[in-house]
Amino acid sequence: MKDLNNNKFALEPANYKLLIIGIGIIVLGFILMSGGGSEDPNVFDESIFNFRRTTLAPIVVLFGFLFEIYAIMYKPRNRK
């Protein structure tokens, strides 16, 4: 019978550090997407269609998700 008290995590500590970095990148992308609204709802504001919100922020978020996949698949070297 297998030892059921083997308390090991699914990933190594380096993987969890990379996952936290990836979450930070995704949050940064969503922060870049925010804003650009007008104070008056009757006035149209062109700033919602600028480069930062329509191009840069989605690329940053996509990079964050790809980084998350890398962080899960990353296998650290054994230091023995």
Protein backbone atom coordinates (compact mmCIF):
# COMPACT_ATOMS: atom_id res chain seq x y z
CA MET A 1 0.00 0.00 0.00
CA LYS A 2 1.26 3.49 -0.81
CA ASP A 3 2.14 6.00 1.86
CA LEU A 4 -0.85 8.36 2.01
CA ASN A 5 0.91 10.85 4.26
CA ASN A 6 3.33 11.94 1.53
CA ASN A 7 2.68 15.70 1.58
CA LYS A 8 4.24 16.84 -1.68
CA PHE A 9 3.03 19.71 -3.79
CA ALA A 10 2.21 19.14 -7.44
CA LEU A 11 4.85 21.65 -8.56
CA GLU A 12 8.22 22.83 -7.34
CA PRO A 13 8.67 26.19 -5.54
CA ALA A 14 10.23 27.68 -8.69
CA ASN A 15 7.04 26.89 -10.60
CA TYR A 16 4.92 28.72 -8.04
CA LYS A 17 7.19 31.77 -8.23
CA LEU A 18 6.81 31.79 -12.02
CA LEU A 19 3.02 31.41 -11.66
CA ILE A 20 2.89 34.48 -9.42
CA ILE A 21 4.92 36.46 -11.97
CA GLY A 22 2.51 35.34 -14.71
CA ILE A 23 -0.50 36.46 -12.67
CA GLY A 24 1.20 39.83 -12.22
CA ILE A 25 1.67 40.15 -15.99
CA ILE A 26 -2.00 39.36 -16.60
CA VAL A 27 -3.12 41.89 -13.98
CA LEU A 28 -0.83 44.49 -15.58
CA GLY A 29 -2.50 43.84 -18.93
CA PHE A 30 -5.95 44.38 -17.48
CA ILE A 31 -4.80 47.57 -15.76
CA LEU A 32 -3.51 48.80 -19.14
CA MET A 33 -6.96 48.07 -20.62
CA SER A 34 -8.84 50.11 -18.03
CA GLY A 35 -9.81 53.75 -18.22
CA GLY A 36 -10.56 55.95 -21.18
CA GLY A 37 -14.13 56.67 -20.29
CA SER A 38 -15.78 60.05 -20.43
CA GLU A 39 -17.13 61.81 -17.34
CA ASP A 40 -20.24 62.81 -19.27
CA PRO A 41 -22.12 59.86 -20.84
CA ASN A 42 -23.43 62.14 -23.60
CA VAL A 43 -19.90 62.95 -24.85
CA PHE A 44 -17.99 60.41 -26.93
CA ASP A 45 -14.33 60.05 -26.03
CA GLU A 46 -11.95 58.73 -28.72
CA SER A 47 -9.34 57.69 -26.14
CA ILE A 48 -11.00 54.28 -25.67
CA PHE A 49 -9.63 53.30 -29.08
CA ASN A 50 -5.99 54.24 -28.51
CA PHE A 51 -3.02 51.90 -29.03
CA ARG A 52 -2.60 51.05 -25.36
CA ARG A 53 -6.13 49.72 -24.88
CA THR A 54 -6.73 48.02 -28.22
CA THR A 55 -3.31 46.54 -29.02
CA LEU A 56 -0.76 46.64 -26.22
CA ALA A 57 -2.97 45.47 -23.34
CA PRO A 58 -4.36 42.37 -25.12
CA ILE A 59 -0.83 41.39 -26.18
CA VAL A 60 0.37 41.73 -22.57
CA VAL A 61 -2.54 39.61 -21.29
CA LEU A 62 -1.90 36.95 -23.94
CA PHE A 63 1.80 36.90 -23.04
CA GLY A 64 0.79 36.48 -19.39
CA PHE A 65 -1.33 33.43 -20.20
CA LEU A 66 1.45 31.92 -22.30
CA PHE A 67 3.87 32.58 -19.45
CA GLU A 68 1.49 30.72 -17.12
CA ILE A 69 1.63 27.67 -19.39
CA TYR A 70 5.43 27.89 -19.38
CA ALA A 71 5.43 28.19 -15.58
CA ILE A 72 3.39 25.01 -15.23
CA MET A 73 5.50 23.06 -17.71
CA TYR A 74 8.86 24.32 -16.38
CA LYS A 75 10.99 21.59 -14.83
CA PRO A 76 13.73 22.95 -12.57
CA ARG A 77 17.13 21.30 -12.56
CA ASN A 78 17.95 19.05 -9.63
CA ARG A 79 20.67 20.52 -7.43
CA LYS A 80 21.99 17.24 -6.04
